[in-house]
């Protein structure tokens, strides 16, 4: 059984949802630290604990007309790498409504970057940078 709880904080710029307690005690846990930047402005910085193979949901609504939603599934990969599969839906002031589904393999603790859009003198792309580390235990 998969349990996820959406936490909506009134008046706060972000809301998170992380896997619930129903996951197996044997499943590996990972810390996902993330920064979302849109048009050069940081819209969210957060840290979430994810359970291997279980969806972790993130939703950020920093201002009227802006929203950033993602579902991450994290798993171990060959060679000591960590695989992150995500699906994003974002409403950005410069890009409009977009969706994308990147899959990245990274070293534990290595910074990964997802970028959508273009950069010019007046416009910066949507950037998501994150690190994933196993939780010691």
Protein backbone atom coordinates (compact mmCIF):
# COMPACT_ATOMS: atom_id res chain seq x y z
CA UNK A 1 0.00 0.00 0.00
CA UNK A 2 1.36 3.42 -0.92
CA UNK A 3 0.47 6.34 1.26
CA UNK A 4 1.21 9.96 0.38
CA UNK A 5 0.10 13.00 2.29
CA UNK A 6 -0.14 16.43 0.71
CA UNK A 7 0.73 19.15 3.17
CA UNK A 8 -0.78 22.51 2.26
CA UNK A 9 0.38 25.42 4.38
CA UNK A 10 -1.88 28.46 4.24
CA UNK A 11 0.06 31.60 3.43
CA UNK A 12 3.27 29.68 2.81
CA UNK A 13 4.98 29.64 -0.59
CA UNK A 14 5.25 25.87 -0.85
CA UNK A 15 3.62 22.59 -0.04
CA UNK A 16 5.26 19.18 0.05
CA UNK A 17 4.07 15.64 -0.03
CA UNK A 18 6.28 12.75 0.91
CA UNK A 19 5.68 9.03 1.20
CA UNK A 20 3.81 7.96 4.32
CA UNK A 21 4.76 5.50 7.01
CA UNK A 22 3.19 2.48 5.26
CA UNK A 23 6.39 1.80 3.27
CA UNK A 24 8.59 -1.17 4.16
CA UNK A 25 11.10 -0.64 6.98
CA UNK A 26 13.69 -2.38 4.78
CA UNK A 27 13.41 0.11 1.90
CA UNK A 28 16.34 2.48 1.49
CA UNK A 29 15.68 6.12 2.27
CA UNK A 30 17.19 9.08 0.44
CA UNK A 31 17.43 12.77 1.21
CA UNK A 32 16.45 14.90 -1.79
CA UNK A 33 17.61 18.53 -1.49
CA UNK A 34 16.25 20.76 -4.23
CA UNK A 35 16.29 24.35 -5.48
CA UNK A 36 13.82 25.55 -8.12
CA UNK A 37 14.78 28.74 -9.96
CA UNK A 38 12.59 30.39 -12.59
CA UNK A 39 13.69 33.38 -14.65
CA UNK A 40 16.68 33.85 -12.34
CA UNK A 41 14.61 33.92 -9.13
CA UNK A 42 14.69 31.18 -6.49
CA UNK A 43 11.08 30.05 -6.02
CA UNK A 44 11.76 27.19 -3.61
CA UNK A 45 14.49 25.48 -1.61
CA UNK A 46 13.51 22.31 0.21
CA UNK A 47 14.62 18.97 1.55
CA UNK A 48 12.47 15.82 1.49
CA UNK A 49 13.11 12.24 2.58
CA UNK A 50 12.14 9.78 -0.16
CA UNK A 51 11.72 6.00 0.11
CA UNK A 52 13.29 3.92 -2.63
CA UNK A 53 10.79 3.01 -5.35
CA UNK A 54 7.97 5.03 -3.77
CA UNK A 55 6.65 8.26 -5.36
CA UNK A 56 7.55 11.49 -3.61
CA UNK A 57 5.45 14.53 -4.52
CA UNK A 58 6.49 18.16 -4.45
CA UNK A 59 4.23 21.12 -5.15
CA UNK A 60 5.21 24.77 -5.00
CA UNK A 61 2.92 27.75 -5.64
CA UNK A 62 5.04 30.83 -4.89
CA UNK A 63 2.78 33.43 -6.53
CA UNK A 64 -0.48 33.83 -8.42
CA UNK A 65 -0.12 32.19 -11.82
CA UNK A 66 2.95 30.16 -10.88
CA UNK A 67 3.04 26.49 -9.91
CA UNK A 68 5.62 23.73 -9.97
CA UNK A 69 4.57 20.11 -9.40
CA UNK A 70 6.78 17.06 -9.52
CA UNK A 71 6.69 13.38 -8.75
CA UNK A 72 10.06 11.75 -8.05
CA UNK A 73 10.86 8.04 -7.85
CA UNK A 74 14.36 7.32 -6.61
CA UNK A 75 16.17 3.99 -6.88
CA UNK A 76 19.67 2.57 -6.78
CA UNK A 77 21.38 2.00 -10.14
CA UNK A 78 24.47 0.06 -11.23
CA UNK A 79 27.92 1.32 -10.32
CA UNK A 80 26.83 2.99 -7.07
CA UNK A 81 24.70 5.54 -8.93
CA UNK A 82 21.28 6.78 -7.88
CA UNK A 83 18.54 6.93 -10.52
CA UNK A 84 15.98 9.72 -10.31
CA UNK A 85 12.87 9.52 -12.46
CA UNK A 86 10.64 12.56 -12.31
CA UNK A 87 7.59 14.03 -13.98
CA UNK A 88 7.12 17.80 -13.83
CA UNK A 89 4.23 20.09 -14.64
CA UNK A 90 5.00 23.78 -14.28
CA UNK A 91 3.26 27.05 -14.94
CA UNK A 92 5.98 29.62 -15.42
CA UNK A 93 5.69 33.35 -16.12
CA UNK A 94 8.13 33.01 -19.04
CA UNK A 95 7.38 29.49 -20.36
CA UNK A 96 3.63 29.13 -19.84
CA UNK A 97 2.44 25.65 -18.86
CA UNK A 98 4.94 22.91 -19.63
CA UNK A 99 5.56 19.30 -18.65
CA UNK A 100 8.67 17.18 -18.87
CA UNK A 101 9.89 13.80 -17.54
CA UNK A 102 13.66 13.56 -17.11
CA UNK A 103 15.51 10.46 -15.93
CA UNK A 104 18.98 11.07 -14.50
CA UNK A 105 21.63 8.87 -12.90
CA UNK A 106 23.93 10.64 -10.45
CA UNK A 107 26.60 9.91 -7.88
CA UNK A 108 25.33 10.20 -4.30
CA UNK A 109 25.72 13.83 -3.22
CA UNK A 110 26.49 15.04 -6.75
CA UNK A 111 24.48 18.05 -7.95
CA UNK A 112 22.10 17.28 -10.82
CA UNK A 113 20.50 19.96 -12.98
CA UNK A 114 17.33 19.97 -15.08
CA UNK A 115 16.81 22.97 -17.33
CA UNK A 116 13.86 23.94 -19.52
CA UNK A 117 13.55 27.00 -21.71
CA UNK A 118 16.17 29.32 -23.10
CA UNK A 119 18.43 32.04 -21.81
CA UNK A 120 18.69 35.52 -23.26
CA UNK A 121 19.54 38.93 -21.99
CA UNK A 122 16.08 39.30 -20.40
CA UNK A 123 14.89 35.73 -19.78
CA UNK A 124 16.38 32.86 -17.78
CA UNK A 125 15.29 29.21 -18.03
CA UNK A 126 13.47 27.15 -15.43
CA UNK A 127 16.21 25.35 -13.49
CA UNK A 128 15.91 22.58 -10.94
CA UNK A 129 19.09 21.61 -9.14
CA UNK A 130 19.15 18.80 -6.63
CA UNK A 131 21.31 16.34 -4.75
CA UNK A 132 20.32 12.88 -3.56
CA UNK A 133 22.03 11.06 -0.71
CA UNK A 134 21.22 7.80 1.08
CA UNK A 135 20.04 8.43 4.63
CA UNK A 136 22.59 6.99 7.05
CA UNK A 137 21.14 4.40 9.30
